[in-house]
Amino acid sequence: MVPGATPSLYVSGLPRDVTEREMSIMFRFMPGFYRVKLTKSGSAPACYADFSDAGSAAYAMQYLQGFKLDKNSPAINIEFERPKEKERGRDRSRSRDRSRDRSRDRSREREKDKDRRSRRSSDDKRDRSRSPERSPRRSETE
């Protein structure tokens, strides 16, 4: 594996009129491709491409380095995205997986709570129908 490899790539040297869809189409056929994010802040657009693992990102970088999107545009430059300060030393794909797992767990908990509430309300309704809360009828002669 390449030292300093991460599962995300930073792509620069893009034409000004590039779209996120074009970038997605370019990376779509690379193994392990996950998603693409195009940023157009400043004068030149840039792109971040995420992969399932660093090996897949390295393969895509090697394969697409120097690719020209248009006949008259400059060749693109691809490098590994530098991890943010707080993520250095950690595997980002694992943190993404953990965050997805937490999100799924929260969804499951919400569903369980919803089921508990619906069961509780249906039990309350059954109890009310069984318990004679009404006062007994008085006879008309009294």
N, C-alpha and C. Protein backbone atom coordinates (compact mmCIF):
# COMPACT_ATOMS: atom_id res chain seq x y z
N MET A 1 0.85 -1.18 0.00
CA MET A 1 0.00 0.00 0.00
C MET A 1 0.89 1.23 0.00
N VAL A 2 0.35 2.31 -0.51
CA VAL A 2 1.07 3.57 -0.61
C VAL A 2 1.10 4.25 0.76
N PRO A 3 2.27 4.71 1.22
CA PRO A 3 2.31 5.39 2.51
C PRO A 3 1.50 6.68 2.46
N GLY A 4 0.76 6.96 3.51
CA GLY A 4 -0.06 8.17 3.58
C GLY A 4 -1.36 8.06 2.80
N ALA A 5 -1.68 6.87 2.32
CA ALA A 5 -2.91 6.68 1.53
C ALA A 5 -4.13 6.79 2.44
N THR A 6 -5.14 7.46 1.94
CA THR A 6 -6.42 7.59 2.65
C THR A 6 -7.53 7.14 1.70
N PRO A 7 -8.73 6.86 2.21
CA PRO A 7 -9.82 6.43 1.31
C PRO A 7 -10.47 7.59 0.56
N SER A 8 -9.92 8.81 0.68
CA SER A 8 -10.48 9.97 -0.02
C SER A 8 -9.43 10.61 -0.90
N LEU A 9 -9.87 11.07 -2.08
CA LEU A 9 -8.97 11.74 -3.02
C LEU A 9 -9.39 13.20 -3.18
N TYR A 10 -8.38 14.05 -3.41
CA TYR A 10 -8.61 15.46 -3.71
C TYR A 10 -8.22 15.66 -5.16
N VAL A 11 -9.14 16.19 -5.96
CA VAL A 11 -8.90 16.36 -7.40
C VAL A 11 -8.89 17.85 -7.72
N SER A 12 -7.82 18.33 -8.33
CA SER A 12 -7.73 19.74 -8.73
C SER A 12 -7.39 19.82 -10.22
N GLY A 13 -7.32 21.05 -10.73
CA GLY A 13 -7.04 21.25 -12.15
C GLY A 13 -8.27 20.99 -13.01
N LEU A 14 -9.45 21.21 -12.43
CA LEU A 14 -10.70 20.96 -13.15
C LEU A 14 -11.14 22.19 -13.94
N PRO A 15 -11.83 21.98 -15.07
CA PRO A 15 -12.37 23.13 -15.81
C PRO A 15 -13.44 23.84 -14.98
N ARG A 16 -13.61 25.14 -15.21
CA ARG A 16 -14.56 25.94 -14.42
C ARG A 16 -16.01 25.46 -14.55
N ASP A 17 -16.36 24.88 -15.69
CA ASP A 17 -17.76 24.47 -15.91
C ASP A 17 -18.04 23.01 -15.56
N VAL A 18 -17.14 22.35 -14.85
CA VAL A 18 -17.32 20.95 -14.49
C VAL A 18 -18.52 20.80 -13.54
N THR A 19 -19.22 19.67 -13.65
CA THR A 19 -20.37 19.41 -12.77
C THR A 19 -20.07 18.20 -11.88
N GLU A 20 -20.82 18.12 -10.80
CA GLU A 20 -20.67 16.98 -9.89
C GLU A 20 -21.01 15.68 -10.61
N ARG A 21 -21.97 15.75 -11.50
CA ARG A 21 -22.36 14.56 -12.25
C ARG A 21 -21.23 14.06 -13.14
N GLU A 22 -20.53 14.98 -13.81
CA GLU A 22 -19.39 14.58 -14.63
C GLU A 22 -18.32 13.88 -13.79
N MET A 23 -18.07 14.42 -12.61
CA MET A 23 -17.07 13.82 -11.74
C MET A 23 -17.53 12.44 -11.26
N SER A 24 -18.80 12.33 -10.96
CA SER A 24 -19.34 11.05 -10.52
C SER A 24 -19.23 10.00 -11.62
N ILE A 25 -19.50 10.40 -12.84
CA ILE A 25 -19.39 9.49 -13.98
C ILE A 25 -17.94 9.04 -14.18
N MET A 26 -17.01 9.96 -13.98
CA MET A 26 -15.59 9.63 -14.16
C MET A 26 -15.13 8.58 -13.13
N PHE A 27 -15.60 8.70 -11.87
CA PHE A 27 -15.17 7.78 -10.82
C PHE A 27 -16.06 6.55 -10.69
N ARG A 28 -17.22 6.56 -11.26
CA ARG A 28 -18.21 5.50 -11.07
C ARG A 28 -17.68 4.10 -11.34
N PHE A 29 -16.80 3.96 -12.30
CA PHE A 29 -16.33 2.64 -12.70
C PHE A 29 -15.09 2.17 -11.93
N MET A 30 -14.65 2.98 -10.99
CA MET A 30 -13.50 2.60 -10.17
C MET A 30 -13.98 1.69 -9.03
N PRO A 31 -13.27 0.62 -8.73
CA PRO A 31 -13.69 -0.27 -7.64
C PRO A 31 -13.69 0.46 -6.30
N GLY A 32 -14.72 0.21 -5.51
CA GLY A 32 -14.81 0.79 -4.17
C GLY A 32 -15.30 2.22 -4.13
N PHE A 33 -15.71 2.78 -5.29
CA PHE A 33 -16.18 4.18 -5.30
C PHE A 33 -17.42 4.32 -4.44
N TYR A 34 -17.44 5.38 -3.62
CA TYR A 34 -18.52 5.61 -2.67
C TYR A 34 -19.34 6.85 -3.03
N ARG A 35 -18.68 8.01 -3.14
CA ARG A 35 -19.38 9.24 -3.50
C ARG A 35 -18.39 10.31 -3.91
N VAL A 36 -18.92 11.40 -4.49
CA VAL A 36 -18.10 12.52 -4.92
C VAL A 36 -18.74 13.81 -4.43
N LYS A 37 -17.91 14.79 -4.11
CA LYS A 37 -18.39 16.10 -3.65
C LYS A 37 -17.60 17.16 -4.39
N LEU A 38 -18.30 18.01 -5.13
CA LEU A 38 -17.66 19.08 -5.90
C LEU A 38 -17.78 20.38 -5.12
N THR A 39 -16.67 21.10 -4.99
CA THR A 39 -16.70 22.40 -4.33
C THR A 39 -16.27 23.46 -5.34
N LYS A 40 -17.03 24.53 -5.39
CA LYS A 40 -16.70 25.61 -6.33
C LYS A 40 -16.40 26.90 -5.58
N SER A 41 -15.79 26.80 -4.43
CA SER A 41 -15.43 28.00 -3.70
C SER A 41 -14.12 28.55 -4.27
N GLY A 42 -14.04 29.85 -4.37
CA GLY A 42 -12.85 30.46 -4.93
C GLY A 42 -12.90 30.46 -6.45
N SER A 43 -11.75 30.55 -7.06
CA SER A 43 -11.71 30.68 -8.51
C SER A 43 -11.74 29.34 -9.25
N ALA A 44 -11.18 28.31 -8.66
CA ALA A 44 -11.11 27.02 -9.34
C ALA A 44 -11.90 25.95 -8.59
N PRO A 45 -12.70 25.16 -9.30
CA PRO A 45 -13.42 24.07 -8.62
C PRO A 45 -12.47 22.96 -8.21
N ALA A 46 -12.87 22.23 -7.18
CA ALA A 46 -12.11 21.08 -6.71
C ALA A 46 -13.12 19.98 -6.38
N CYS A 47 -12.62 18.77 -6.27
CA CYS A 47 -13.51 17.64 -6.05
C CYS A 47 -12.90 16.72 -5.00
N TYR A 48 -13.78 16.13 -4.18
CA TYR A 48 -13.37 15.11 -3.22
C TYR A 48 -14.09 13.82 -3.60
N ALA A 49 -13.36 12.74 -3.76
CA ALA A 49 -13.95 11.45 -4.10
C ALA A 49 -13.65 10.48 -2.96
N ASP A 50 -14.69 9.84 -2.43
CA ASP A 50 -14.54 8.90 -1.32
C ASP A 50 -14.66 7.47 -1.83
N PHE A 51 -13.82 6.61 -1.26
CA PHE A 51 -13.79 5.19 -1.63
C PHE A 51 -13.95 4.35 -0.37
N SER A 52 -14.24 3.08 -0.56
CA SER A 52 -14.45 2.18 0.58
C SER A 52 -13.16 1.92 1.35
N ASP A 53 -12.01 2.00 0.68
CA ASP A 53 -10.73 1.77 1.36
C ASP A 53 -9.62 2.50 0.62
N ALA A 54 -8.48 2.62 1.26
CA ALA A 54 -7.35 3.36 0.70
C ALA A 54 -6.79 2.68 -0.55
N GLY A 55 -6.84 1.37 -0.63
CA GLY A 55 -6.35 0.65 -1.81
C GLY A 55 -7.14 1.00 -3.06
N SER A 56 -8.46 1.09 -2.91
CA SER A 56 -9.31 1.47 -4.05
C SER A 56 -9.02 2.90 -4.48
N ALA A 57 -8.82 3.79 -3.51
CA ALA A 57 -8.51 5.18 -3.82
C ALA A 57 -7.16 5.27 -4.55
N ALA A 58 -6.18 4.48 -4.11
CA ALA A 58 -4.86 4.49 -4.76
C ALA A 58 -4.96 4.00 -6.21
N TYR A 59 -5.76 2.98 -6.43
CA TYR A 59 -5.95 2.46 -7.79
C TYR A 59 -6.58 3.53 -8.68
N ALA A 60 -7.62 4.20 -8.19
CA ALA A 60 -8.29 5.25 -8.98
C ALA A 60 -7.33 6.39 -9.27
N MET A 61 -6.53 6.76 -8.28
CA MET A 61 -5.58 7.86 -8.47
C MET A 61 -4.55 7.49 -9.56
N GLN A 62 -4.04 6.28 -9.50
CA GLN A 62 -3.06 5.83 -10.48
C GLN A 62 -3.68 5.78 -11.88
N TYR A 63 -4.90 5.31 -11.98
CA TYR A 63 -5.56 5.12 -13.26
C TYR A 63 -5.97 6.45 -13.91
N LEU A 64 -6.46 7.41 -13.10
CA LEU A 64 -7.01 8.65 -13.65
C LEU A 64 -6.07 9.86 -13.58
N GLN A 65 -4.89 9.71 -12.99
CA GLN A 65 -3.95 10.83 -12.89
C GLN A 65 -3.62 11.37 -14.28
N GLY A 66 -3.76 12.68 -14.49
CA GLY A 66 -3.44 13.30 -15.78
C GLY A 66 -4.56 13.23 -16.80
N PHE A 67 -5.70 12.71 -16.42
CA PHE A 67 -6.85 12.60 -17.34
C PHE A 67 -7.33 14.00 -17.73
N LYS A 68 -7.76 14.17 -18.98
CA LYS A 68 -8.29 15.45 -19.45
C LYS A 68 -9.79 15.30 -19.65
N LEU A 69 -10.57 16.15 -18.97
CA LEU A 69 -12.02 16.10 -19.12
C LEU A 69 -12.46 16.66 -20.47
N ASP A 70 -11.77 17.68 -20.94
CA ASP A 70 -12.05 18.28 -22.26
C ASP A 70 -10.77 18.27 -23.08
N LYS A 71 -10.94 18.38 -24.38
CA LYS A 71 -9.79 18.38 -25.27
C LYS A 71 -8.85 19.56 -24.97
N ASN A 72 -9.41 20.71 -24.63
CA ASN A 72 -8.61 21.91 -24.42
C ASN A 72 -8.32 22.21 -22.94
N SER A 73 -8.78 21.37 -22.03
CA SER A 73 -8.56 21.64 -20.61
C SER A 73 -7.24 21.03 -20.14
N PRO A 74 -6.69 21.55 -19.05
CA PRO A 74 -5.45 20.96 -18.53
C PRO A 74 -5.72 19.59 -17.91
N ALA A 75 -4.68 18.83 -17.70
CA ALA A 75 -4.80 17.51 -17.08
C ALA A 75 -5.15 17.68 -15.60
N ILE A 76 -5.99 16.80 -15.08
CA ILE A 76 -6.37 16.89 -13.67
C ILE A 76 -5.24 16.37 -12.80
N ASN A 77 -5.20 16.86 -11.58
CA ASN A 77 -4.21 16.43 -10.60
C ASN A 77 -4.95 15.75 -9.46
N ILE A 78 -4.56 14.54 -9.11
CA ILE A 78 -5.23 13.80 -8.04
C ILE A 78 -4.20 13.48 -6.96
N GLU A 79 -4.59 13.71 -5.71
CA GLU A 79 -3.74 13.36 -4.56
C GLU A 79 -4.63 12.87 -3.43
N PHE A 80 -4.03 12.18 -2.48
CA PHE A 80 -4.79 11.72 -1.33
C PHE A 80 -5.20 12.93 -0.50
N GLU A 81 -6.44 12.91 -0.04
CA GLU A 81 -6.90 13.99 0.83
C GLU A 81 -6.15 13.91 2.15
N ARG A 82 -5.72 15.05 2.63
CA ARG A 82 -5.03 15.07 3.92
C ARG A 82 -6.07 14.99 5.03
N PRO A 83 -5.86 14.10 5.99
CA PRO A 83 -6.83 14.00 7.09
C PRO A 83 -6.87 15.29 7.91
N LYS A 84 -8.04 15.62 8.40
CA LYS A 84 -8.18 16.79 9.26
C LYS A 84 -7.43 16.52 10.55
N GLU A 85 -7.09 17.58 11.27
CA GLU A 85 -6.28 17.46 12.49
C GLU A 85 -6.81 16.42 13.46
N LYS A 86 -8.12 16.46 13.76
CA LYS A 86 -8.66 15.54 14.76
C LYS A 86 -8.76 14.11 14.25
N GLU A 87 -8.68 13.90 12.92
CA GLU A 87 -8.80 12.56 12.38
C GLU A 87 -7.45 11.92 12.07
N ARG A 88 -6.37 12.64 12.24
CA ARG A 88 -5.05 12.06 11.95
C ARG A 88 -4.80 10.89 12.86
N GLY A 89 -4.23 9.86 12.29
CA GLY A 89 -3.93 8.68 13.07
C GLY A 89 -5.11 7.73 13.20
N ARG A 90 -6.27 8.11 12.66
CA ARG A 90 -7.45 7.23 12.70
C ARG A 90 -7.83 6.84 11.30
N ASP A 91 -8.42 5.71 11.16
CA ASP A 91 -8.91 5.27 9.86
C ASP A 91 -10.28 5.92 9.64
N ARG A 92 -10.37 6.81 8.66
CA ARG A 92 -11.61 7.56 8.43
C ARG A 92 -12.77 6.66 8.01
N SER A 93 -12.47 5.59 7.28
CA SER A 93 -13.56 4.71 6.86
C SER A 93 -14.21 4.06 8.08
N ARG A 94 -13.39 3.76 9.11
CA ARG A 94 -13.96 3.20 10.33
C ARG A 94 -14.84 4.21 11.04
N SER A 95 -14.42 5.47 11.08
CA SER A 95 -15.25 6.47 11.76
C SER A 95 -16.55 6.68 11.00
N ARG A 96 -16.49 6.60 9.66
CA ARG A 96 -17.72 6.71 8.86
C ARG A 96 -18.64 5.54 9.17
N ASP A 97 -18.06 4.33 9.27
CA ASP A 97 -18.86 3.14 9.57
C ASP A 97 -19.49 3.27 10.95
N ARG A 98 -18.70 3.75 11.93
CA ARG A 98 -19.24 3.90 13.28
C ARG A 98 -20.39 4.90 13.29
N SER A 99 -20.24 5.99 12.55
CA SER A 99 -21.31 6.99 12.53
C SER A 99 -22.57 6.43 11.87
N ARG A 100 -22.39 5.62 10.81
CA ARG A 100 -23.56 4.97 10.19
C ARG A 100 -24.22 4.00 11.16
N ASP A 101 -23.39 3.25 11.90
CA ASP A 101 -23.93 2.30 12.88
C ASP A 101 -24.71 3.03 13.96
N ARG A 102 -24.17 4.16 14.46
CA ARG A 102 -24.88 4.93 15.48
C ARG A 102 -26.21 5.43 14.95
N SER A 103 -26.21 5.88 13.71
CA SER A 103 -27.44 6.38 13.10
C SER A 103 -28.48 5.26 13.00
N ARG A 104 -28.03 4.07 12.57
CA ARG A 104 -28.94 2.93 12.49
C ARG A 104 -29.48 2.55 13.86
N ASP A 105 -28.59 2.57 14.87
CA ASP A 105 -29.02 2.24 16.23
C ASP A 105 -30.08 3.22 16.71
N ARG A 106 -29.87 4.51 16.44
CA ARG A 106 -30.87 5.52 16.84
C ARG A 106 -32.20 5.26 16.16
N SER A 107 -32.16 4.91 14.88
CA SER A 107 -33.40 4.62 14.14
C SER A 107 -34.11 3.42 14.75
N ARG A 108 -33.34 2.39 15.07
CA ARG A 108 -33.95 1.20 15.68
C ARG A 108 -34.56 1.52 17.02
N GLU A 109 -33.87 2.34 17.82
CA GLU A 109 -34.41 2.73 19.13
C GLU A 109 -35.71 3.51 18.97
N ARG A 110 -35.75 4.42 17.98
CA ARG A 110 -36.99 5.17 17.74
C ARG A 110 -38.14 4.24 17.38
N GLU A 111 -37.85 3.24 16.53
CA GLU A 111 -38.87 2.27 16.14
C GLU A 111 -39.35 1.47 17.35
N LYS A 112 -38.41 1.05 18.20
CA LYS A 112 -38.80 0.30 19.40
C LYS A 112 -39.67 1.15 20.32
N ASP A 113 -39.27 2.43 20.49
CA ASP A 113 -40.07 3.33 21.34
C ASP A 113 -41.47 3.51 20.78
N LYS A 114 -41.55 3.64 19.46
CA LYS A 114 -42.86 3.80 18.81
C LYS A 114 -43.71 2.56 19.05
N ASP A 115 -43.10 1.36 18.91
CA ASP A 115 -43.83 0.12 19.16
C ASP A 115 -44.29 0.03 20.60
N ARG A 116 -43.41 0.39 21.54
CA ARG A 116 -43.79 0.35 22.96
C ARG A 116 -44.96 1.27 23.24
N ARG A 117 -44.90 2.48 22.68
CA ARG A 117 -46.00 3.44 22.90
C ARG A 117 -47.31 2.93 22.32
N SER A 118 -47.25 2.35 21.12
CA SER A 118 -48.49 1.86 20.52
C SER A 118 -49.04 0.68 21.31
N ARG A 119 -48.16 -0.21 21.79
CA ARG A 119 -48.63 -1.33 22.61
C ARG A 119 -49.23 -0.83 23.91
N ARG A 120 -48.59 0.17 24.52
CA ARG A 120 -49.07 0.71 25.78
C ARG A 120 -50.45 1.34 25.60
N SER A 121 -50.64 2.09 24.52
CA SER A 121 -51.94 2.73 24.31
C SER A 121 -53.02 1.69 24.00
N SER A 122 -52.66 0.63 23.25
CA SER A 122 -53.67 -0.40 22.97
C SER A 122 -54.00 -1.19 24.24
N ASP A 123 -53.01 -1.42 25.11
CA ASP A 123 -53.27 -2.09 26.39
C ASP A 123 -54.18 -1.23 27.26
N ASP A 124 -53.96 0.08 27.28
CA ASP A 124 -54.80 0.98 28.06
C ASP A 124 -56.25 0.94 27.56
N LYS A 125 -56.42 0.89 26.26
CA LYS A 125 -57.77 0.84 25.70
C LYS A 125 -58.46 -0.46 26.11
N ARG A 126 -57.73 -1.58 26.05
CA ARG A 126 -58.32 -2.86 26.46
C ARG A 126 -58.70 -2.83 27.93
N ASP A 127 -57.84 -2.28 28.78
CA ASP A 127 -58.13 -2.22 30.21
C ASP A 127 -59.37 -1.38 30.48
N ARG A 128 -59.51 -0.27 29.77
CA ARG A 128 -60.68 0.59 29.97
C ARG A 128 -61.97 -0.11 29.57
N SER A 129 -61.90 -0.90 28.50
CA SER A 129 -63.12 -1.57 28.05
C SER A 129 -63.52 -2.69 29.00
N ARG A 130 -62.58 -3.26 29.73
CA ARG A 130 -62.88 -4.35 30.65
C ARG A 130 -63.33 -3.84 32.01
N SER A 131 -62.80 -2.75 32.45
CA SER A 131 -63.10 -2.29 33.81
C SER A 131 -64.42 -1.51 33.84
N PRO A 132 -65.29 -1.87 34.74
CA PRO A 132 -66.58 -1.16 34.82
C PRO A 132 -66.41 0.13 35.62
N GLU A 133 -66.11 1.19 34.93
CA GLU A 133 -65.93 2.47 35.60
C GLU A 133 -67.27 3.17 35.79
N ARG A 134 -68.27 2.72 35.04
CA ARG A 134 -69.58 3.36 35.18
C ARG A 134 -70.25 2.91 36.47
N SER A 135 -71.03 3.76 37.01
CA SER A 135 -71.75 3.39 38.24
C SER A 135 -72.86 2.42 37.87
N PRO A 136 -73.16 1.51 38.77
CA PRO A 136 -74.21 0.53 38.45
C PRO A 136 -75.56 1.23 38.27
N ARG A 137 -76.38 0.64 37.44
CA ARG A 137 -77.68 1.23 37.17
C ARG A 137 -78.58 1.14 38.39
N ARG A 138 -79.27 2.17 38.60
CA ARG A 138 -80.23 2.15 39.70
C ARG A 138 -81.57 1.72 39.16
N SER A 139 -82.23 1.06 39.97
CA SER A 139 -83.57 0.64 39.52
C SER A 139 -84.50 1.86 39.52
N GLU A 140 -85.46 1.84 38.68
CA GLU A 140 -86.35 2.99 38.53
C GLU A 140 -87.28 3.16 39.71
N THR A 141 -87.42 2.15 40.52
CA THR A 141 -88.34 2.24 41.66
C THR A 141 -87.76 3.01 42.81
N GLU A 142 -86.47 3.12 42.87
CA GLU A 142 -85.87 3.79 44.01
C GLU A 142 -86.12 5.25 44.01
